[in-house]
């Protein structure tokens, strides 16, 4: 069984030690695609994940300055942080799962993370 959910959030950030426009404070409307696949549901938790839980994870980022809780808030680091937050929720419900997050920083630029560390 596979769940896909799209969400958006608005946030500001700046890239420290970066030589370019992104060194200045600026904002984005980020789009997030969450794909979760499970083999089977638990009897006491009849969801892949509760949409309310997903919304709460994304609300953590909405209308914030990402530099306040991510040292270098590149799209790469933001997507890993979101993946970790959602993965914790899945582990709480003891679900064997795969999780993939795609994060768009702009309409034409996205990054995808599935939990595997970069090579």
PDB file of N, CA and C in Angstrom:
ATOM      1  N   UNK A   1       0.850  -1.155   0.000  1.00  0.00           N
ATOM      2  CA  UNK A   1       0.000   0.000   0.000  1.00  0.00           C
ATOM      3  C   UNK A   1       0.906   1.231   0.000  1.00  0.00           C
ATOM      4  N   UNK A   2       0.578   2.199  -0.866  1.00  0.00           N
ATOM      5  CA  UNK A   2       1.419   3.392  -0.977  1.00  0.00           C
ATOM      6  C   UNK A   2       0.573   4.654  -0.828  1.00  0.00           C
ATOM      7  N   UNK A   3       1.064   5.550   0.006  1.00  0.00           N
ATOM      8  CA  UNK A   3       0.425   6.847   0.230  1.00  0.00           C
ATOM      9  C   UNK A   3       1.304   7.928  -0.392  1.00  0.00           C
ATOM     10  N   UNK A   4       0.663   8.876  -1.081  1.00  0.00           N
ATOM     11  CA  UNK A   4       1.354  10.056  -1.595  1.00  0.00           C
ATOM     12  C   UNK A   4       0.596  11.277  -1.114  1.00  0.00           C
ATOM     13  N   UNK A   5       1.333  12.238  -0.586  1.00  0.00           N
ATOM     14  CA  UNK A   5       0.728  13.472  -0.073  1.00  0.00           C
ATOM     15  C   UNK A   5       1.587  14.650  -0.515  1.00  0.00           C
ATOM     16  N   UNK A   6       0.931  15.694  -1.030  1.00  0.00           N
ATOM     17  CA  UNK A   6       1.590  16.946  -1.399  1.00  0.00           C
ATOM     18  C   UNK A   6       1.218  18.016  -0.385  1.00  0.00           C
ATOM     19  N   UNK A   7       2.211  18.815   0.016  1.00  0.00           N
ATOM     20  CA  UNK A   7       1.984  19.901   0.965  1.00  0.00           C
ATOM     21  C   UNK A   7       2.875  21.083   0.583  1.00  0.00           C
ATOM     22  N   UNK A   8       2.591  22.243   1.150  1.00  0.00           N
ATOM     23  CA  UNK A   8       3.414  23.434   0.921  1.00  0.00           C
ATOM     24  C   UNK A   8       3.683  24.130   2.246  1.00  0.00           C
ATOM     25  N   UNK A   9       4.795  24.851   2.282  1.00  0.00           N
ATOM     26  CA  UNK A   9       5.065  25.728   3.412  1.00  0.00           C
ATOM     27  C   UNK A   9       5.922  26.892   2.931  1.00  0.00           C
ATOM     28  N   UNK A  10       5.800  28.005   3.634  1.00  0.00           N
ATOM     29  CA  UNK A  10       6.587  29.205   3.339  1.00  0.00           C
ATOM     30  C   UNK A  10       7.628  29.367   4.432  1.00  0.00           C
ATOM     31  N   UNK A  11       8.866  29.632   4.012  1.00  0.00           N
ATOM     32  CA  UNK A  11       9.933  29.801   4.997  1.00  0.00           C
ATOM     33  C   UNK A  11      11.034  30.686   4.421  1.00  0.00           C
ATOM     34  N   UNK A  12      11.775  31.290   5.336  1.00  0.00           N
ATOM     35  CA  UNK A  12      12.918  32.126   4.972  1.00  0.00           C
ATOM     36  C   UNK A  12      14.202  31.404   5.349  1.00  0.00           C
ATOM     37  N   UNK A  13      15.284  31.801   4.677  1.00  0.00           N
ATOM     38  CA  UNK A  13      16.605  31.286   5.039  1.00  0.00           C
ATOM     39  C   UNK A  13      17.662  32.127   4.343  1.00  0.00           C
ATOM     40  N   UNK A  14      18.883  31.872   4.701  1.00  0.00           N
ATOM     41  CA  UNK A  14      20.031  32.423   3.994  1.00  0.00           C
ATOM     42  C   UNK A  14      21.146  31.409   4.129  1.00  0.00           C
ATOM     43  N   UNK A  15      22.024  31.383   3.157  1.00  0.00           N
ATOM     44  CA  UNK A  15      23.098  30.390   3.164  1.00  0.00           C
ATOM     45  C   UNK A  15      24.378  31.024   3.675  1.00  0.00           C
ATOM     46  N   UNK A  16      24.848  30.567   4.842  1.00  0.00           N
ATOM     47  CA  UNK A  16      26.090  31.115   5.395  1.00  0.00           C
ATOM     48  C   UNK A  16      27.286  30.710   4.536  1.00  0.00           C
ATOM     49  N   UNK A  17      28.270  31.585   4.486  1.00  0.00           N
ATOM     50  CA  UNK A  17      29.514  31.309   3.750  1.00  0.00           C
ATOM     51  C   UNK A  17      29.261  30.979   2.283  1.00  0.00           C
ATOM     52  N   UNK A  18      28.260  31.619   1.699  1.00  0.00           N
ATOM     53  CA  UNK A  18      27.915  31.403   0.297  1.00  0.00           C
ATOM     54  C   UNK A  18      28.182  32.692  -0.459  1.00  0.00           C
ATOM     55  N   UNK A  19      28.808  32.580  -1.609  1.00  0.00           N
ATOM     56  CA  UNK A  19      29.122  33.750  -2.416  1.00  0.00           C
ATOM     57  C   UNK A  19      28.072  33.891  -3.517  1.00  0.00           C
ATOM     58  N   UNK A  20      27.004  34.582  -3.201  1.00  0.00           N
ATOM     59  CA  UNK A  20      25.924  34.754  -4.166  1.00  0.00           C
ATOM     60  C   UNK A  20      24.707  35.346  -3.491  1.00  0.00           C
ATOM     61  N   UNK A  21      23.638  35.515  -4.265  1.00  0.00           N
ATOM     62  CA  UNK A  21      22.425  36.154  -3.750  1.00  0.00           C
ATOM     63  C   UNK A  21      21.814  35.411  -2.567  1.00  0.00           C
ATOM     64  N   UNK A  22      21.954  34.108  -2.523  1.00  0.00           N
ATOM     65  CA  UNK A  22      21.327  33.325  -1.446  1.00  0.00           C
ATOM     66  C   UNK A  22      22.008  33.516  -0.093  1.00  0.00           C
ATOM     67  N   UNK A  23      23.096  34.289  -0.075  1.00  0.00           N
ATOM     68  CA  UNK A  23      23.719  34.641   1.202  1.00  0.00           C
ATOM     69  C   UNK A  23      22.862  35.657   1.954  1.00  0.00           C
ATOM     70  N   UNK A  24      21.987  36.338   1.222  1.00  0.00           N
ATOM     71  CA  UNK A  24      21.074  37.307   1.841  1.00  0.00           C
ATOM     72  C   UNK A  24      19.790  36.613   2.292  1.00  0.00           C
ATOM     73  N   UNK A  25      19.135  37.133   3.337  1.00  0.00           N
ATOM     74  CA  UNK A  25      17.853  36.547   3.752  1.00  0.00           C
ATOM     75  C   UNK A  25      16.832  36.633   2.609  1.00  0.00           C
ATOM     76  N   UNK A  26      16.144  35.547   2.373  1.00  0.00           N
ATOM     77  CA  UNK A  26      15.111  35.486   1.341  1.00  0.00           C
ATOM     78  C   UNK A  26      14.161  34.344   1.676  1.00  0.00           C
ATOM     79  N   UNK A  27      13.083  34.235   0.955  1.00  0.00           N
ATOM     80  CA  UNK A  27      12.095  33.208   1.254  1.00  0.00           C
ATOM     81  C   UNK A  27      11.679  32.411   0.039  1.00  0.00           C
ATOM     82  N   UNK A  28      11.043  31.286   0.306  1.00  0.00           N
ATOM     83  CA  UNK A  28      10.522  30.395  -0.731  1.00  0.00           C
ATOM     84  C   UNK A  28       9.168  29.862  -0.285  1.00  0.00           C
ATOM     85  N   UNK A  29       8.362  29.499  -1.256  1.00  0.00           N
ATOM     86  CA  UNK A  29       7.217  28.640  -1.002  1.00  0.00           C
ATOM     87  C   UNK A  29       7.663  27.250  -1.417  1.00  0.00           C
ATOM     88  N   UNK A  30       7.942  26.421  -0.426  1.00  0.00           N
ATOM     89  CA  UNK A  30       8.415  25.069  -0.672  1.00  0.00           C
ATOM     90  C   UNK A  30       7.223  24.149  -0.916  1.00  0.00           C
ATOM     91  N   UNK A  31       7.404  23.205  -1.818  1.00  0.00           N
ATOM     92  CA  UNK A  31       6.415  22.156  -2.054  1.00  0.00           C
ATOM     93  C   UNK A  31       7.056  20.840  -1.645  1.00  0.00           C
ATOM     94  N   UNK A  32       6.291  20.011  -0.961  1.00  0.00           N
ATOM     95  CA  UNK A  32       6.793  18.736  -0.463  1.00  0.00           C
ATOM     96  C   UNK A  32       5.901  17.620  -0.988  1.00  0.00           C
ATOM     97  N   UNK A  33       6.539  16.575  -1.503  1.00  0.00           N
ATOM     98  CA  UNK A  33       5.819  15.352  -1.877  1.00  0.00           C
ATOM     99  C   UNK A  33       6.327  14.239  -0.969  1.00  0.00           C
ATOM    100  N   UNK A  34       5.398  13.597  -0.287  1.00  0.00           N
ATOM    101  CA  UNK A  34       5.722  12.498   0.621  1.00  0.00           C
ATOM    102  C   UNK A  34       5.172  11.212   0.017  1.00  0.00           C
ATOM    103  N   UNK A  35       6.036  10.220  -0.152  1.00  0.00           N
ATOM    104  CA  UNK A  35       5.626   8.881  -0.582  1.00  0.00           C
ATOM    105  C   UNK A  35       5.993   7.903   0.518  1.00  0.00           C
ATOM    106  N   UNK A  36       4.993   7.190   1.017  1.00  0.00           N
ATOM    107  CA  UNK A  36       5.209   6.184   2.055  1.00  0.00           C
ATOM    108  C   UNK A  36       4.585   4.885   1.571  1.00  0.00           C
ATOM    109  N   UNK A  37       5.352   3.823   1.655  1.00  0.00           N
ATOM    110  CA  UNK A  37       4.837   2.518   1.286  1.00  0.00           C
ATOM    111  C   UNK A  37       4.984   1.572   2.472  1.00  0.00           C
ATOM    112  N   UNK A  38       3.911   0.844   2.765  1.00  0.00           N
ATOM    113  CA  UNK A  38       3.930  -0.130   3.853  1.00  0.00           C
ATOM    114  C   UNK A  38       3.459  -1.478   3.319  1.00  0.00           C
ATOM    115  N   UNK A  39       3.936  -2.546   3.949  1.00  0.00           N
ATOM    116  CA  UNK A  39       3.497  -3.890   3.545  1.00  0.00           C
ATOM    117  C   UNK A  39       2.077  -4.166   4.024  1.00  0.00           C
ATOM    118  N   UNK A  40       1.817  -3.762   5.251  1.00  0.00           N
ATOM    119  CA  UNK A  40       0.476  -3.970   5.820  1.00  0.00           C
ATOM    120  C   UNK A  40       0.267  -2.971   6.954  1.00  0.00           C
ATOM    121  N   UNK A  41      -0.988  -2.727   7.253  1.00  0.00           N
ATOM    122  CA  UNK A  41      -1.340  -1.814   8.340  1.00  0.00           C
ATOM    123  C   UNK A  41      -1.347  -2.569   9.658  1.00  0.00           C
ATOM    124  N   UNK A  42      -1.160  -1.837  10.737  1.00  0.00           N
ATOM    125  CA  UNK A  42      -1.258  -2.425  12.071  1.00  0.00           C
ATOM    126  C   UNK A  42      -2.733  -2.446  12.485  1.00  0.00           C
ATOM    127  N   UNK A  43      -3.122  -3.438  13.249  1.00  0.00           N
ATOM    128  CA  UNK A  43      -4.520  -3.545  13.673  1.00  0.00           C
ATOM    129  C   UNK A  43      -4.949  -2.356  14.521  1.00  0.00           C
ATOM    130  N   UNK A  44      -4.046  -1.858  15.364  1.00  0.00           N
ATOM    131  CA  UNK A  44      -4.404  -0.755  16.259  1.00  0.00           C
ATOM    132  C   UNK A  44      -4.120   0.623  15.649  1.00  0.00           C
ATOM    133  N   UNK A  45      -3.644   0.661  14.399  1.00  0.00           N
ATOM    134  CA  UNK A  45      -3.351   1.929  13.721  1.00  0.00           C
ATOM    135  C   UNK A  45      -3.694   1.748  12.244  1.00  0.00           C
ATOM    136  N   UNK A  46      -4.947   2.007  11.873  1.00  0.00           N
ATOM    137  CA  UNK A  46      -5.420   1.669  10.524  1.00  0.00           C
ATOM    138  C   UNK A  46      -5.055   2.691   9.437  1.00  0.00           C
ATOM    139  N   UNK A  47      -3.874   3.299   9.556  1.00  0.00           N
ATOM    140  CA  UNK A  47      -3.417   4.291   8.583  1.00  0.00           C
ATOM    141  C   UNK A  47      -2.021   3.909   8.103  1.00  0.00           C
ATOM    142  N   UNK A  48      -1.659   4.353   6.896  1.00  0.00           N
ATOM    143  CA  UNK A  48      -0.255   4.368   6.534  1.00  0.00           C
ATOM    144  C   UNK A  48       0.409   5.403   7.420  1.00  0.00           C
ATOM    145  N   UNK A  49      -0.146   6.602   7.430  1.00  0.00           N
ATOM    146  CA  UNK A  49       0.175   7.641   8.420  1.00  0.00           C
ATOM    147  C   UNK A  49      -1.026   8.571   8.470  1.00  0.00           C
ATOM    148  N   UNK A  50      -1.332   9.071   9.622  1.00  0.00           N
ATOM    149  CA  UNK A  50      -2.440  10.000   9.777  1.00  0.00           C
ATOM    150  C   UNK A  50      -2.059  11.327   9.111  1.00  0.00           C
ATOM    151  N   UNK A  51      -2.922  11.835   8.232  1.00  0.00           N
ATOM    152  CA  UNK A  51      -2.653  13.110   7.559  1.00  0.00           C
ATOM    153  C   UNK A  51      -2.447  14.244   8.555  1.00  0.00           C
ATOM    154  N   UNK A  52      -3.072  14.155   9.714  1.00  0.00           N
ATOM    155  CA  UNK A  52      -2.883  15.177  10.759  1.00  0.00           C
ATOM    156  C   UNK A  52      -1.427  15.183  11.217  1.00  0.00           C
ATOM    157  N   UNK A  53      -0.828  13.998  11.363  1.00  0.00           N
ATOM    158  CA  UNK A  53       0.579  13.917  11.756  1.00  0.00           C
ATOM    159  C   UNK A  53       1.491  14.527  10.697  1.00  0.00           C
ATOM    160  N   UNK A  54       1.197  14.272   9.429  1.00  0.00           N
ATOM    161  CA  UNK A  54       1.995  14.875   8.360  1.00  0.00           C
ATOM    162  C   UNK A  54       1.890  16.401   8.383  1.00  0.00           C
ATOM    163  N   UNK A  55       0.685  16.889   8.584  1.00  0.00           N
ATOM    164  CA  UNK A  55       0.472  18.341   8.634  1.00  0.00           C
ATOM    165  C   UNK A  55       1.269  18.964   9.783  1.00  0.00           C
ATOM    166  N   UNK A  56       1.293  18.295  10.932  1.00  0.00           N
ATOM    167  CA  UNK A  56       2.038  18.812  12.084  1.00  0.00           C
ATOM    168  C   UNK A  56       3.531  18.885  11.794  1.00  0.00           C
ATOM    169  N   UNK A  57       4.061  17.891  11.081  1.00  0.00           N
ATOM    170  CA  UNK A  57       5.487  17.916  10.728  1.00  0.00           C
ATOM    171  C   UNK A  57       5.777  19.143   9.869  1.00  0.00           C
ATOM    172  N   UNK A  58       4.974  19.371   8.858  1.00  0.00           N
ATOM    173  CA  UNK A  58       5.224  20.486   7.943  1.00  0.00           C
ATOM    174  C   UNK A  58       4.984  21.827   8.629  1.00  0.00           C
ATOM    175  N   UNK A  59       4.041  21.898   9.559  1.00  0.00           N
ATOM    176  CA  UNK A  59       3.799  23.151  10.291  1.00  0.00           C
ATOM    177  C   UNK A  59       5.029  23.609  11.064  1.00  0.00           C
ATOM    178  N   UNK A  60       5.895  22.684  11.439  1.00  0.00           N
ATOM    179  CA  UNK A  60       7.148  23.029  12.123  1.00  0.00           C
ATOM    180  C   UNK A  60       7.985  23.987  11.279  1.00  0.00           C
ATOM    181  N   UNK A  61       7.908  23.867   9.972  1.00  0.00           N
ATOM    182  CA  UNK A  61       8.723  24.655   9.050  1.00  0.00           C
ATOM    183  C   UNK A  61       8.011  25.911   8.539  1.00  0.00           C
ATOM    184  N   UNK A  62       6.695  25.922   8.584  1.00  0.00           N
ATOM    185  CA  UNK A  62       5.921  26.989   7.961  1.00  0.00           C
ATOM    186  C   UNK A  62       6.116  28.329   8.667  1.00  0.00           C
ATOM    187  N   UNK A  63       6.381  29.350   7.869  1.00  0.00           N
ATOM    188  CA  UNK A  63       6.573  30.729   8.350  1.00  0.00           C
ATOM    189  C   UNK A  63       7.658  30.812   9.428  1.00  0.00           C
ATOM    190  N   UNK A  64       8.785  30.151   9.143  1.00  0.00           N
ATOM    191  CA  UNK A  64       9.922  30.200  10.052  1.00  0.00           C
ATOM    192  C   UNK A  64      11.148  30.702   9.310  1.00  0.00           C
ATOM    193  N   UNK A  65      12.178  30.977  10.099  1.00  0.00           N
ATOM    194  CA  UNK A  65      13.513  31.198   9.559  1.00  0.00           C
ATOM    195  C   UNK A  65      14.238  29.869   9.744  1.00  0.00           C
ATOM    196  N   UNK A  66      14.486  29.168   8.667  1.00  0.00           N
ATOM    197  CA  UNK A  66      15.063  27.831   8.739  1.00  0.00           C
ATOM    198  C   UNK A  66      16.443  27.823   9.383  1.00  0.00           C
ATOM    199  N   UNK A  67      17.160  28.948   9.324  1.00  0.00           N
ATOM    200  CA  UNK A  67      18.482  29.028   9.946  1.00  0.00           C
ATOM    201  C   UNK A  67      18.425  28.852  11.455  1.00  0.00           C
ATOM    202  N   UNK A  68      17.255  29.044  12.049  1.00  0.00           N
ATOM    203  CA  UNK A  68      17.127  28.908  13.495  1.00  0.00           C
ATOM    204  C   UNK A  68      17.226  27.459  13.958  1.00  0.00           C
ATOM    205  N   UNK A  69      16.981  26.471  13.056  1.00  0.00           N
ATOM    206  CA  UNK A  69      17.089  25.083  13.494  1.00  0.00           C
ATOM    207  C   UNK A  69      17.776  24.152  12.499  1.00  0.00           C
ATOM    208  N   UNK A  70      18.258  24.694  11.388  1.00  0.00           N
ATOM    209  CA  UNK A  70      19.083  23.928  10.456  1.00  0.00           C
ATOM    210  C   UNK A  70      20.316  24.786  10.183  1.00  0.00           C
ATOM    211  N   UNK A  71      21.487  24.284  10.545  1.00  0.00           N
ATOM    212  CA  UNK A  71      22.716  25.087  10.455  1.00  0.00           C
ATOM    213  C   UNK A  71      22.947  25.658   9.061  1.00  0.00           C
ATOM    214  N   UNK A  72      22.877  24.823   8.064  1.00  0.00           N
ATOM    215  CA  UNK A  72      23.064  25.258   6.672  1.00  0.00           C
ATOM    216  C   UNK A  72      21.816  24.812   5.908  1.00  0.00           C
ATOM    217  N   UNK A  73      20.805  25.684   5.812  1.00  0.00           N
ATOM    218  CA  UNK A  73      19.512  25.265   5.286  1.00  0.00           C
ATOM    219  C   UNK A  73      19.439  25.225   3.755  1.00  0.00           C
ATOM    220  N   UNK A  74      20.270  24.371   3.170  1.00  0.00           N
ATOM    221  CA  UNK A  74      20.160  24.088   1.745  1.00  0.00           C
ATOM    222  C   UNK A  74      18.967  23.157   1.535  1.00  0.00           C
ATOM    223  N   UNK A  75      18.505  23.039   0.310  1.00  0.00           N
ATOM    224  CA  UNK A  75      17.419  22.101   0.013  1.00  0.00           C
ATOM    225  C   UNK A  75      17.802  20.693   0.436  1.00  0.00           C
ATOM    226  N   UNK A  76      19.078  20.340   0.254  1.00  0.00           N
ATOM    227  CA  UNK A  76      19.556  19.014   0.635  1.00  0.00           C
ATOM    228  C   UNK A  76      19.390  18.765   2.132  1.00  0.00           C
ATOM    229  N   UNK A  77      19.742  19.739   2.949  1.00  0.00           N
ATOM    230  CA  UNK A  77      19.623  19.564   4.400  1.00  0.00           C
ATOM    231  C   UNK A  77      18.183  19.670   4.880  1.00  0.00           C
ATOM    232  N   UNK A  78      17.383  20.486   4.226  1.00  0.00           N
ATOM    233  CA  UNK A  78      15.965  20.618   4.608  1.00  0.00           C
ATOM    234  C   UNK A  78      15.228  19.308   4.343  1.00  0.00           C
ATOM    235  N   UNK A  79      15.452  18.700   3.180  1.00  0.00           N
ATOM    236  CA  UNK A  79      14.742  17.462   2.847  1.00  0.00           C
ATOM    237  C   UNK A  79      15.131  16.330   3.807  1.00  0.00           C
ATOM    238  N   UNK A  80      16.379  16.282   4.230  1.00  0.00           N
ATOM    239  CA  UNK A  80      16.802  15.263   5.207  1.00  0.00           C
ATOM    240  C   UNK A  80      16.103  15.497   6.544  1.00  0.00           C
ATOM    241  N   UNK A  81      16.010  16.742   6.971  1.00  0.00           N
ATOM    242  CA  UNK A  81      15.340  17.073   8.235  1.00  0.00           C
ATOM    243  C   UNK A  81      13.865  16.658   8.199  1.00  0.00           C
ATOM    244  N   UNK A  82      13.181  16.968   7.100  1.00  0.00           N
ATOM    245  CA  UNK A  82      11.773  16.577   6.962  1.00  0.00           C
ATOM    246  C   UNK A  82      11.647  15.056   6.961  1.00  0.00           C
ATOM    247  N   UNK A  83      12.530  14.376   6.227  1.00  0.00           N
ATOM    248  CA  UNK A  83      12.511  12.912   6.187  1.00  0.00           C
ATOM    249  C   UNK A  83      12.655  12.335   7.599  1.00  0.00           C
ATOM    250  N   UNK A  84      13.608  12.861   8.361  1.00  0.00           N
ATOM    251  CA  UNK A  84      13.818  12.376   9.740  1.00  0.00           C
ATOM    252  C   UNK A  84      12.578  12.575  10.595  1.00  0.00           C
ATOM    253  N   UNK A  85      11.934  13.734  10.485  1.00  0.00           N
ATOM    254  CA  UNK A  85      10.735  14.016  11.286  1.00  0.00           C
ATOM    255  C   UNK A  85       9.593  13.052  10.952  1.00  0.00           C
ATOM    256  N   UNK A  86       9.363  12.809   9.660  1.00  0.00           N
ATOM    257  CA  UNK A  86       8.281  11.904   9.262  1.00  0.00           C
ATOM    258  C   UNK A  86       8.634  10.465   9.603  1.00  0.00           C
ATOM    259  N   UNK A  87       9.881  10.092   9.424  1.00  0.00           N
ATOM    260  CA  UNK A  87      10.311   8.733   9.755  1.00  0.00           C
ATOM    261  C   UNK A  87      10.085   8.425  11.240  1.00  0.00           C
ATOM    262  N   UNK A  88      10.325   9.403  12.105  1.00  0.00           N
ATOM    263  CA  UNK A  88      10.076   9.203  13.546  1.00  0.00           C
ATOM    264  C   UNK A  88       8.615   8.859  13.801  1.00  0.00           C
ATOM    265  N   UNK A  89       7.700   9.529  13.097  1.00  0.00           N
ATOM    266  CA  UNK A  89       6.269   9.249  13.267  1.00  0.00           C
ATOM    267  C   UNK A  89       5.943   7.818  12.833  1.00  0.00           C
ATOM    268  N   UNK A  90       6.545   7.374  11.744  1.00  0.00           N
ATOM    269  CA  UNK A  90       6.290   6.013  11.267  1.00  0.00           C
ATOM    270  C   UNK A  90       6.841   4.971  12.230  1.00  0.00           C
ATOM    271  N   UNK A  91       8.014   5.233  12.771  1.00  0.00           N
ATOM    272  CA  UNK A  91       8.623   4.306  13.730  1.00  0.00           C
ATOM    273  C   UNK A  91       7.770   4.198  14.993  1.00  0.00           C
ATOM    274  N   UNK A  92       7.167   5.306  15.419  1.00  0.00           N
ATOM    275  CA  UNK A  92       6.288   5.289  16.600  1.00  0.00           C
ATOM    276  C   UNK A  92       5.178   4.255  16.452  1.00  0.00           C
ATOM    277  N   UNK A  93       4.728   4.026  15.213  1.00  0.00           N
ATOM    278  CA  UNK A  93       3.622   3.101  14.969  1.00  0.00           C
ATOM    279  C   UNK A  93       4.116   1.731  14.485  1.00  0.00           C
ATOM    280  N   UNK A  94       5.430   1.506  14.590  1.00  0.00           N
ATOM    281  CA  UNK A  94       6.024   0.200  14.317  1.00  0.00           C
ATOM    282  C   UNK A  94       5.664  -0.322  12.927  1.00  0.00           C
ATOM    283  N   UNK A  95       5.704   0.571  11.944  1.00  0.00           N
ATOM    284  CA  UNK A  95       5.389   0.186  10.571  1.00  0.00           C
ATOM    285  C   UNK A  95       6.670  -0.116   9.802  1.00  0.00           C
ATOM    286  N   UNK A  96       6.693  -1.255   9.121  1.00  0.00           N
ATOM    287  CA  UNK A  96       7.785  -1.520   8.190  1.00  0.00           C
ATOM    288  C   UNK A  96       7.456  -0.707   6.946  1.00  0.00           C
ATOM    289  N   UNK A  97       8.344   0.184   6.563  1.00  0.00           N
ATOM    290  CA  UNK A  97       7.982   1.147   5.530  1.00  0.00           C
ATOM    291  C   UNK A  97       9.183   1.581   4.693  1.00  0.00           C
ATOM    292  N   UNK A  98       8.868   2.158   3.557  1.00  0.00           N
ATOM    293  CA  UNK A  98       9.842   2.933   2.804  1.00  0.00           C
ATOM    294  C   UNK A  98       9.289   4.344   2.734  1.00  0.00           C
ATOM    295  N   UNK A  99      10.188   5.304   2.751  1.00  0.00           N
ATOM    296  CA  UNK A  99       9.790   6.701   2.787  1.00  0.00           C
ATOM    297  C   UNK A  99      10.669   7.472   1.822  1.00  0.00           C
ATOM    298  N   UNK A 100      10.032   8.261   0.969  1.00  0.00           N
ATOM    299  CA  UNK A 100      10.758   9.120   0.048  1.00  0.00           C
ATOM    300  C   UNK A 100      10.122  10.502   0.077  1.00  0.00           C
ATOM    301  N   UNK A 101      10.958  11.512   0.181  1.00  0.00           N
ATOM    302  CA  UNK A 101      10.501  12.905   0.226  1.00  0.00           C
ATOM    303  C   UNK A 101      11.100  13.638  -0.964  1.00  0.00           C
ATOM    304  N   UNK A 102      10.264  14.372  -1.675  1.00  0.00           N
ATOM    305  CA  UNK A 102      10.743  15.280  -2.713  1.00  0.00           C
ATOM    306  C   UNK A 102      10.399  16.694  -2.275  1.00  0.00           C
ATOM    307  N   UNK A 103      11.388  17.570  -2.316  1.00  0.00           N
ATOM    308  CA  UNK A 103      11.228  18.959  -1.882  1.00  0.00           C
ATOM    309  C   UNK A 103      11.545  19.871  -3.062  1.00  0.00           C
ATOM    310  N   UNK A 104      10.588  20.738  -3.429  1.00  0.00           N
ATOM    311  CA  UNK A 104      10.805  21.756  -4.439  1.00  0.00           C
ATOM    312  C   UNK A 104      11.110  23.063  -3.747  1.00  0.00           C
ATOM    313  N   UNK A 105      12.247  23.664  -4.081  1.00  0.00           N
ATOM    314  CA  UNK A 105      12.573  24.994  -3.569  1.00  0.00           C
ATOM    315  C   UNK A 105      12.003  26.063  -4.502  1.00  0.00           C
ATOM    316  N   UNK A 106      11.937  25.743  -5.778  1.00  0.00           N
ATOM    317  CA  UNK A 106      11.296  26.596  -6.778  1.00  0.00           C
ATOM    318  C   UNK A 106      10.422  25.700  -7.641  1.00  0.00           C
ATOM    319  N   UNK A 107       9.693  26.279  -8.568  1.00  0.00           N
ATOM    320  CA  UNK A 107       8.839  25.483  -9.447  1.00  0.00           C
ATOM    321  C   UNK A 107       9.634  24.531 -10.330  1.00  0.00           C
ATOM    322  N   UNK A 108      10.906  24.844 -10.561  1.00  0.00           N
ATOM    323  CA  UNK A 108      11.700  24.046 -11.497  1.00  0.00           C
ATOM    324  C   UNK A 108      12.863  23.308 -10.852  1.00  0.00           C
ATOM    325  N   UNK A 109      13.005  23.381  -9.534  1.00  0.00           N
ATOM    326  CA  UNK A 109      14.146  22.748  -8.878  1.00  0.00           C
ATOM    327  C   UNK A 109      13.692  21.968  -7.654  1.00  0.00           C
ATOM    328  N   UNK A 110      14.001  20.661  -7.652  1.00  0.00           N
ATOM    329  CA  UNK A 110      13.629  19.825  -6.510  1.00  0.00           C
ATOM    330  C   UNK A 110      14.767  18.872  -6.185  1.00  0.00           C
ATOM    331  N   UNK A 111      14.661  18.295  -4.996  1.00  0.00           N
ATOM    332  CA  UNK A 111      15.612  17.274  -4.552  1.00  0.00           C
ATOM    333  C   UNK A 111      14.806  16.171  -3.876  1.00  0.00           C
ATOM    334  N   UNK A 112      15.247  14.931  -4.051  1.00  0.00           N
ATOM    335  CA  UNK A 112      14.554  13.766  -3.510  1.00  0.00           C
ATOM    336  C   UNK A 112      15.474  13.024  -2.561  1.00  0.00           C
ATOM    337  N   UNK A 113      14.920  12.579  -1.429  1.00  0.00           N
ATOM    338  CA  UNK A 113      15.702  11.842  -0.424  1.00  0.00           C
ATOM    339  C   UNK A 113      14.904  10.638   0.028  1.00  0.00           C
ATOM    340  N   UNK A 114      15.574   9.478   0.108  1.00  0.00           N
ATOM    341  CA  UNK A 114      14.913   8.243   0.512  1.00  0.00           C
ATOM    342  C   UNK A 114      15.519   7.615   1.767  1.00  0.00           C
ATOM    343  N   UNK A 115      16.346   8.380   2.477  1.00  0.00           N
ATOM    344  CA  UNK A 115      16.921   7.861   3.707  1.00  0.00           C
ATOM    345  C   UNK A 115      18.310   7.282   3.553  1.00  0.00           C
ATOM    346  N   UNK A 116      18.731   7.049   2.336  1.00  0.00           N
ATOM    347  CA  UNK A 116      20.080   6.534   2.114  1.00  0.00           C
ATOM    348  C   UNK A 116      21.074   7.690   2.106  1.00  0.00           C
ATOM    349  N   UNK A 117      22.161   7.562   2.854  1.00  0.00           N
ATOM    350  CA  UNK A 117      23.137   8.639   2.868  1.00  0.00           C
ATOM    351  C   UNK A 117      23.768   8.831   1.485  1.00  0.00           C
ATOM    352  N   UNK A 118      24.189  10.039   1.219  1.00  0.00           N
ATOM    353  CA  UNK A 118      24.833  10.332  -0.068  1.00  0.00           C
ATOM    354  C   UNK A 118      26.077   9.487  -0.231  1.00  0.00           C
ATOM    355  N   UNK A 119      26.339   9.118  -1.444  1.00  0.00           N
ATOM    356  CA  UNK A 119      27.517   8.286  -1.734  1.00  0.00           C
ATOM    357  C   UNK A 119      28.784   9.118  -1.691  1.00  0.00           C
TER     358      UNK A 119
END
